[in-house]
Protein backbone atom coordinates (compact mmCIF):
# COMPACT_ATOMS: atom_id res chain seq x y z
CA MET A 1 0.19 -0.01 0.07
CA VAL A 2 1.07 3.45 -0.94
CA ASN A 3 -0.53 6.53 0.16
CA SER A 4 -0.51 9.49 -2.35
CA ASP A 5 1.62 11.43 0.25
CA MET A 6 4.58 9.06 0.00
CA ASN A 7 6.34 10.90 -3.12
CA GLN A 8 6.37 14.11 -0.95
CA VAL A 9 8.11 12.63 1.90
CA LEU A 10 10.52 9.77 0.66
CA ASP A 11 12.45 9.13 -2.46
CA PRO A 12 10.86 6.14 -4.25
CA GLN A 13 14.25 5.23 -5.48
CA ARG A 14 15.35 4.64 -2.23
CA VAL A 15 12.19 2.80 -1.23
CA LEU A 16 12.60 0.35 -4.02
CA GLU A 17 16.31 -0.05 -2.87
CA LEU A 18 15.15 -0.93 0.82
CA THR A 19 12.16 -3.42 -0.43
CA GLN A 20 14.79 -4.95 -3.12
CA LEU A 21 17.06 -5.66 -0.16
CA ILE A 22 14.35 -7.04 1.70
CA GLU A 23 13.36 -9.38 -0.81
CA SER A 24 16.95 -10.68 -1.36
CA HIS A 25 17.10 -11.11 2.12
CA ILE A 26 13.95 -13.41 2.05
CA LYS A 27 15.37 -15.17 -0.85
CA ASP A 28 18.66 -15.98 0.79
CA GLN A 29 16.37 -17.50 3.41
CA ARG A 30 17.74 -14.92 6.19
CA TYR A 31 13.85 -14.74 7.25
CA ALA A 32 10.66 -16.17 6.38
CA GLY A 33 8.36 -13.00 6.17
CA ALA A 34 8.62 -9.45 6.94
CA GLN A 35 5.97 -6.50 7.15
CA VAL A 36 7.24 -2.75 6.84
CA ALA A 37 5.26 -0.02 7.49
CA MET A 38 6.15 4.11 7.32
CA ALA A 39 4.05 6.79 8.78
CA HIS A 40 3.98 10.82 8.39
CA ASN A 41 1.74 13.31 9.84
CA GLY A 42 -0.37 10.55 11.75
CA GLN A 43 -1.15 8.58 8.66
CA ILE A 44 0.60 5.31 7.12
CA ILE A 45 2.03 6.46 3.71
CA PHE A 46 3.75 3.08 2.69
CA GLU A 47 3.31 -0.59 3.83
CA GLN A 48 4.08 -4.03 2.24
CA ASN A 49 4.25 -7.52 3.06
CA PHE A 50 7.19 -9.86 2.24
CA GLY A 51 7.32 -13.43 2.12
CA LEU A 52 5.87 -16.19 4.34
CA SER A 53 4.25 -15.50 8.14
CA ARG A 54 4.28 -19.09 8.10
CA LEU A 55 6.34 -21.89 6.19
CA ALA A 56 5.00 -25.59 5.84
CA GLY A 57 5.38 -27.14 9.33
CA SER A 58 6.48 -30.43 10.67
CA LYS A 59 2.80 -31.46 11.44
CA GLY A 60 1.73 -30.57 8.01
CA GLU A 61 0.68 -27.02 8.59
CA PRO A 62 0.29 -25.15 5.39
CA VAL A 63 2.23 -22.16 3.72
CA VAL A 64 0.61 -19.04 4.99
CA ALA A 65 1.65 -15.75 2.67
CA ALA A 66 2.47 -12.42 4.71
CA HIS A 67 -0.75 -10.50 4.58
CA ALA A 68 -1.82 -7.00 6.13
CA ASN A 69 -3.71 -8.68 9.05
CA SER A 70 -0.44 -10.90 10.01
CA LEU A 71 0.61 -10.42 13.68
CA TRP A 72 4.09 -10.39 14.17
CA LEU A 73 6.01 -11.32 17.63
CA LEU A 74 7.07 -7.84 18.69
CA TYR A 75 10.10 -9.04 21.11
CA SER A 76 11.60 -6.05 23.00
CA ASN A 77 9.57 -3.54 21.20
CA THR A 78 6.58 -4.66 23.94
CA LYS A 79 8.70 -2.62 26.10
CA VAL A 80 7.57 0.52 24.46
CA ILE A 81 3.89 -0.27 24.30
CA MET A 82 4.54 -0.58 28.39
CA ALA A 83 6.51 2.34 28.89
CA CYS A 84 3.38 4.22 27.06
CA ALA A 85 0.80 2.83 29.96
CA LEU A 86 3.27 3.81 32.74
CA TRP A 87 3.73 7.41 31.03
CA ARG A 88 -0.36 7.79 31.17
CA MET A 89 0.20 6.48 34.89
CA LEU A 90 2.52 9.24 35.57
CA GLU A 91 0.68 12.19 34.00
CA ALA A 92 -2.29 10.99 36.09
CA GLY A 93 -0.41 11.43 39.26
CA LEU A 94 -0.42 7.49 39.99
CA ILE A 95 3.00 6.95 39.77
CA SER A 96 6.48 8.60 40.19
CA PHE A 97 9.56 7.41 37.99
CA ASN A 98 11.70 8.73 41.19
CA ALA A 99 9.41 6.43 43.60
CA LYS A 100 10.93 3.29 44.98
CA VAL A 101 9.45 0.35 43.80
CA SER A 102 9.28 -1.33 47.28
CA HIS A 103 6.80 1.79 47.94
CA TYR A 104 4.40 -0.03 45.41
CA LEU A 105 5.40 -3.27 46.24
CA PRO A 106 6.34 -3.84 49.78
CA GLY A 107 7.26 -7.30 49.54
CA PHE A 108 9.98 -6.23 46.68
CA ALA A 109 12.37 -5.06 49.32
CA GLN A 110 13.74 -8.25 50.12
CA HIS A 111 17.10 -9.66 49.13
CA GLY A 112 18.61 -5.85 49.25
CA LYS A 113 16.17 -4.20 46.61
CA ALA A 114 14.46 -1.74 48.73
CA ASP A 115 15.95 1.38 47.23
CA ILE A 116 15.49 0.42 43.32
CA THR A 117 13.48 3.03 41.46
CA LEU A 118 11.24 2.47 38.68
CA PHE A 119 13.48 4.64 36.87
CA GLU A 120 16.39 2.11 37.51
CA LEU A 121 14.09 -0.29 36.13
CA ILE A 122 12.79 1.41 32.97
CA THR A 123 16.87 2.10 32.29
CA HIS A 124 18.11 -0.99 32.84
CA GLN A 125 20.34 -0.11 36.03
CA ALA A 126 18.28 -2.25 38.44
CA GLY A 127 20.91 -5.05 39.01
CA PHE A 128 18.93 -8.05 38.17
CA PRO A 129 19.19 -8.43 34.06
CA ASN A 130 19.19 -12.42 34.31
CA GLN A 131 16.22 -13.13 36.71
CA GLU A 132 13.58 -14.94 35.35
CA VAL A 133 9.53 -15.40 35.92
CA SER A 134 8.84 -19.01 35.18
CA GLU A 135 6.43 -20.35 32.36
CA SER A 136 4.14 -21.57 34.86
CA ALA A 137 3.42 -17.98 36.47
CA TYR A 138 2.46 -16.45 33.32
CA LEU A 139 -0.86 -16.56 33.66
CA ASP A 140 -0.99 -16.29 37.54
CA SER A 141 -0.12 -12.72 38.66
CA SER A 142 0.14 -13.78 42.34
CA GLN A 143 3.00 -16.06 41.67
CA ILE A 144 4.47 -13.32 39.19
CA LEU A 145 4.12 -11.31 42.05
CA ARG A 146 5.92 -13.84 44.67
CA GLU A 147 8.85 -14.76 42.00
CA VAL A 148 9.72 -11.02 41.14
CA ASN A 149 9.78 -10.14 44.71
CA ASP A 150 12.37 -13.10 45.14
CA PHE A 151 14.42 -11.79 42.51
CA ARG A 152 18.06 -11.45 43.51
CA LEU A 153 20.67 -8.80 42.54
CA GLU A 154 23.79 -9.39 40.61
CA TRP A 155 25.15 -5.94 41.08
CA ALA A 156 24.60 -3.13 42.76
CA PRO A 157 21.48 -1.20 41.33
CA GLY A 158 22.36 1.89 39.51
CA SER A 159 26.17 1.13 39.49
CA GLN A 160 26.04 -0.02 35.90
CA ILE A 161 23.77 -0.39 32.77
CA HIS A 162 23.09 -3.97 31.67
CA TYR A 163 19.79 -4.73 29.48
CA HIS A 164 17.63 -6.43 31.14
CA ALA A 165 15.52 -8.39 28.61
CA LEU A 166 12.51 -9.48 30.44
CA SER A 167 12.88 -9.32 34.45
CA ALA A 168 12.48 -5.32 34.95
CA HIS A 169 9.17 -5.07 32.94
CA TRP A 170 7.96 -8.33 34.84
CA VAL A 171 8.45 -5.75 37.95
CA LEU A 172 6.88 -2.80 36.13
CA ALA A 173 3.63 -4.99 35.06
CA MET A 174 3.41 -5.88 39.03
CA VAL A 175 3.58 -2.27 39.66
CA VAL A 176 0.96 -1.33 37.45
CA GLU A 177 -1.37 -4.23 38.55
CA ALA A 178 -0.85 -2.83 42.47
CA VAL A 179 -1.47 0.80 41.70
CA LEU A 180 -4.85 -0.10 38.98
CA GLY A 181 -5.86 -2.97 40.86
CA VAL A 182 -6.38 -5.03 37.28
CA ASP A 183 -4.26 -7.07 35.02
CA PHE A 184 -1.43 -5.41 33.58
CA LYS A 185 -2.79 -6.47 30.08
CA VAL A 186 -6.09 -5.29 30.51
CA ALA A 187 -4.29 -1.91 31.79
CA VAL A 188 -2.29 -1.69 28.57
CA HIS A 189 -5.48 -1.96 26.66
CA ASP A 190 -7.20 0.30 28.44
CA LEU A 191 -4.84 2.97 29.27
CA VAL A 192 -3.20 2.73 25.53
CA LEU A 193 -4.23 0.62 22.74
CA LYS A 194 -7.91 1.52 22.91
CA PRO A 195 -7.64 4.89 23.29
CA LEU A 196 -5.36 5.03 20.09
CA GLY A 197 -7.46 3.05 18.31
CA LEU A 198 -5.06 0.20 17.85
CA GLU A 199 -6.58 -2.56 19.84
CA GLN A 200 -6.73 -4.44 16.44
CA GLU A 201 -3.21 -3.54 15.61
CA LEU A 202 -1.49 -4.32 18.85
CA PHE A 203 -2.00 -7.23 21.48
CA MET A 204 -0.57 -7.40 24.93
CA GLY A 205 -1.11 -11.04 25.31
CA LEU A 206 -3.00 -12.79 22.21
CA GLY A 207 -6.32 -14.32 22.26
CA VAL A 208 -7.43 -17.37 21.05
CA GLU A 209 -9.77 -15.76 18.67
CA HIS A 210 -6.44 -13.79 16.71
CA ARG A 211 -3.84 -16.92 16.57
CA THR A 212 -4.64 -17.73 13.20
CA ARG A 213 -3.47 -14.11 12.38
CA MET A 214 -0.23 -15.07 13.95
CA ALA A 215 3.26 -15.00 12.23
CA TYR A 216 5.45 -18.52 13.54
CA MET A 217 8.75 -17.54 14.81
CA TYR A 218 11.90 -19.03 13.48
CA GLU A 219 15.58 -18.64 13.99
CA TRP A 220 18.93 -19.77 12.21
CA THR A 221 22.39 -19.90 13.59
CA GLN A 222 25.95 -18.95 12.12
CA ASP A 223 26.83 -22.55 11.51
CA ALA A 224 23.57 -22.85 9.46
CA PRO A 225 22.47 -19.43 8.08
CA ASN A 226 20.08 -20.96 5.58
CA VAL A 227 18.09 -23.30 7.66
CA LEU A 228 15.19 -21.76 9.31
CA THR A 229 14.45 -23.51 12.64
CA GLU A 230 10.96 -22.81 14.02
CA ARG A 231 11.12 -21.66 17.90
CA PHE A 232 8.88 -22.58 20.91
CA GLU A 233 6.80 -19.25 20.91
CA SER A 234 5.24 -20.68 17.47
CA HIS A 235 3.14 -23.30 19.66
CA SER A 236 3.41 -22.15 23.31
CA LEU A 237 -0.17 -20.93 24.22
CA ALA A 238 1.17 -20.16 27.63
CA TRP A 239 3.71 -17.33 25.93
CA GLN A 240 0.96 -16.32 23.16
CA SER A 241 -1.05 -15.21 26.47
CA SER A 242 1.25 -14.07 28.60
CA GLY A 243 1.83 -10.88 27.00
CA ALA A 244 5.22 -10.89 28.52
CA PRO A 245 5.70 -7.26 29.14
CA GLY A 246 9.18 -6.95 28.19
CA GLY A 247 8.78 -9.17 24.97
CA GLY A 248 5.57 -10.93 24.45
CA ALA A 249 3.41 -8.72 22.94
CA TYR A 250 2.21 -9.30 19.00
CA GLY A 251 1.18 -6.66 16.66
CA SER A 252 1.60 -5.17 12.77
CA ALA A 253 4.32 -2.81 11.69
CA LYS A 254 1.33 -0.20 10.85
CA GLY A 255 0.32 -0.43 14.74
CA MET A 256 3.89 0.25 15.82
CA ALA A 257 4.52 3.33 13.29
CA LEU A 258 1.17 5.01 14.39
CA LEU A 259 2.02 4.55 18.12
CA TYR A 260 5.35 6.28 17.45
CA GLN A 261 3.79 8.71 15.33
CA MET A 262 1.65 9.56 18.31
CA MET A 263 5.21 10.58 19.97
CA VAL A 264 6.50 12.89 17.30
CA ARG A 265 2.97 14.67 17.13
CA GLY A 266 3.10 15.81 20.96
CA GLY A 267 1.07 13.21 22.18
CA GLU A 268 -1.82 13.27 19.50
CA LEU A 269 -3.12 10.52 17.42
CA ASN A 270 -6.71 10.11 15.38
CA GLY A 271 -7.86 13.48 17.37
CA VAL A 272 -7.16 11.78 20.89
CA GLN A 273 -4.72 13.89 23.03
CA PHE A 274 -3.12 10.79 24.61
CA LEU A 275 -0.39 12.79 26.69
CA SER A 276 0.96 16.15 26.74
CA PRO A 277 3.53 17.46 25.06
CA LYS A 278 5.39 18.08 28.67
CA THR A 279 5.01 14.47 29.74
CA LEU A 280 6.58 13.11 26.37
CA ALA A 281 9.50 15.22 26.64
CA TYR A 282 10.05 14.03 29.86
CA CYS A 283 9.84 10.51 29.02
CA LEU A 284 11.81 10.69 25.93
CA ARG A 285 14.68 12.46 27.20
CA ASP A 286 18.38 10.84 26.94
CA TYR A 287 18.77 10.17 30.81
CA THR A 288 21.94 7.54 30.18
CA GLY A 289 24.23 9.77 27.57
CA GLU A 290 27.50 8.23 26.96
CA ARG A 291 27.20 5.62 29.59
CA VAL A 292 28.08 2.26 28.27
CA ASP A 293 25.26 -0.71 28.34
CA THR A 294 27.68 -3.75 29.14
CA MET A 295 25.23 -6.09 27.07
CA MET A 296 25.12 -4.00 24.13
CA GLY A 297 28.88 -2.83 24.25
CA MET A 298 27.68 0.72 23.31
CA PRO A 299 25.85 3.71 24.95
CA MET A 300 22.17 3.31 24.22
CA HIS A 301 21.17 6.70 25.31
CA ARG A 302 18.00 5.33 27.31
CA ALA A 303 14.77 7.25 27.93
CA LEU A 304 12.10 5.83 29.76
CA GLY A 305 11.08 3.41 27.24
CA PRO A 306 12.85 3.89 23.82
CA HIS A 307 16.67 4.72 23.37
CA LEU A 308 17.93 7.96 21.44
CA ARG A 309 20.78 7.64 18.64
CA GLY A 310 22.98 9.86 20.34
CA GLU A 311 26.22 11.59 18.82
CA GLY A 312 28.33 8.73 19.16
CA ILE A 313 29.65 6.94 15.83
CA ASN A 314 27.80 3.84 16.30
CA THR A 315 24.08 3.04 17.27
CA ARG A 316 21.92 0.12 17.77
CA GLY A 317 19.00 -0.40 14.93
CA LEU A 318 18.22 3.12 14.42
CA GLY A 319 21.05 4.03 11.33
CA THR A 320 23.98 5.17 11.57
CA LEU A 321 22.82 8.24 9.81
CA ALA A 322 20.24 9.14 11.99
CA HIS A 323 20.31 12.79 13.70
CA ALA A 324 21.22 12.53 17.52
CA GLY A 325 17.07 12.77 18.51
CA VAL A 326 15.81 9.85 16.65
CA PHE A 327 14.38 7.24 18.90
CA GLY A 328 13.06 3.73 19.12
CA HIS A 329 13.74 0.23 20.18
CA GLY A 330 14.19 -3.06 18.52
CA GLY A 331 13.00 -6.76 19.24
CA VAL A 332 15.79 -9.06 19.34
CA GLY A 333 17.63 -10.10 15.91
CA SER A 334 14.27 -9.75 14.55
CA SER A 335 12.93 -5.90 14.08
CA TYR A 336 13.09 -2.51 14.87
CA VAL A 337 10.69 0.61 15.08
CA TRP A 338 11.99 4.18 15.12
CA ALA A 339 10.78 7.65 14.89
CA ASP A 340 12.10 10.99 13.43
CA PRO A 341 10.73 13.43 15.56
CA LEU A 342 12.13 16.65 13.47
CA ARG A 343 10.25 15.11 10.34
CA ALA A 344 7.41 13.62 12.38
CA PHE A 345 8.08 10.73 10.57
CA SER A 346 8.10 6.63 12.05
CA PHE A 347 9.09 3.55 10.53
CA ALA A 348 8.91 0.00 11.78
CA TYR A 349 10.13 -3.15 9.97
CA ILE A 350 9.33 -6.41 11.63
CA THR A 351 10.22 -10.37 10.53
CA ASN A 352 9.57 -13.71 12.08
CA THR A 353 13.07 -15.02 12.32
CA ARG A 354 15.72 -14.38 15.18
CA ALA A 355 19.18 -13.52 13.37
CA PRO A 356 22.42 -13.94 14.96
CA GLU A 357 25.06 -11.11 15.54
CA PRO A 358 26.65 -9.28 13.78
CA TRP A 359 24.23 -9.98 10.94
CA HIS A 360 21.37 -8.37 12.60
CA SER A 361 23.08 -5.22 13.23
CA LEU A 362 24.63 -4.99 10.24
CA ARG A 363 21.18 -5.25 8.36
CA MET A 364 19.79 -3.02 10.50
CA GLU A 365 22.15 -0.53 9.88
CA ARG A 366 21.75 -0.91 6.02
CA ILE A 367 17.98 -0.69 6.30
CA SER A 368 17.36 2.03 8.32
CA ASN A 369 20.24 4.24 6.48
CA LEU A 370 18.19 3.50 3.49
CA VAL A 371 15.09 4.68 5.30
CA HIS A 372 16.91 8.03 6.40
CA LEU A 373 18.62 8.45 2.74
CA ALA A 374 14.75 8.03 1.41
CA LEU A 375 13.63 11.09 3.52
CA LEU A 376 13.23 14.35 1.61
């Protein structure tokens, strides 16, 4: 789908180079399928599906082409959806990022965690990156709460930045439940997705009625770069239902591009003033600067959800040609979503295959740079 306004915003030749690159990746079996969306001034101006959302399965499942209604596992792009709920709670005066987690969850104070703040959680400074919530707890909030309360520190909170893949956001989800008294998945739907009109595009927890739209997830390794192996998420009903707040949402590229449009439009989308510009400015500020994320091996310029480009030689996913204020987030080995606030533009690229490093980061640099070059 191409909007008539696209040629006023994007160089068609660069967009063609982008689509040809993605098609070459699929031809080389680096991923099964992909979906791309670009948005400007609150509207989708380009959207395209590539390849297959499902390969032929070992149990006789049919091949399914990627299509406009496909729902893709967003992995850590989920963190930004979760952040939007927290931003609304901040604006309503229900939480403070300066507050201690133990203020909301008294049991969390055990094992030396009493002074950890919400800010440290969301900027990956909490000190327990490798702690896990068991799969058996996914649909039982009381068990999730017991398990996060029992998390053990791996280093002193605030002493370093190290990406917390899932652990920190399980804690944030429990804070949401403690404050609002509802399941965090319901809170995200009611606070974020429904007001923005995205409740059919983004899902924090995938219901049975939507699973026919779900793209399966695959992976490959350096030893077998052309062999796509089906991952557990493709058939785990527990995972699909969990809405794991750090990586379990499902959605479309269109939905993510529009979510970021709200951020570049001063908090407004589809005629709804979702957040004030002042709240957005606070939440999208670079709080970690040149401090290195010891997992990523580079400064990540963390805001309260997304990360920013910053001024350094390198960046993750956003494109090295981006200006310092471009912000976004990725999904492990598979996707990236970002926005350029100076041009009211957002871009979402989602695939259904986890690729290893360094191929993934080099791929994302090329893809995002092509989009920056395409912007007129």
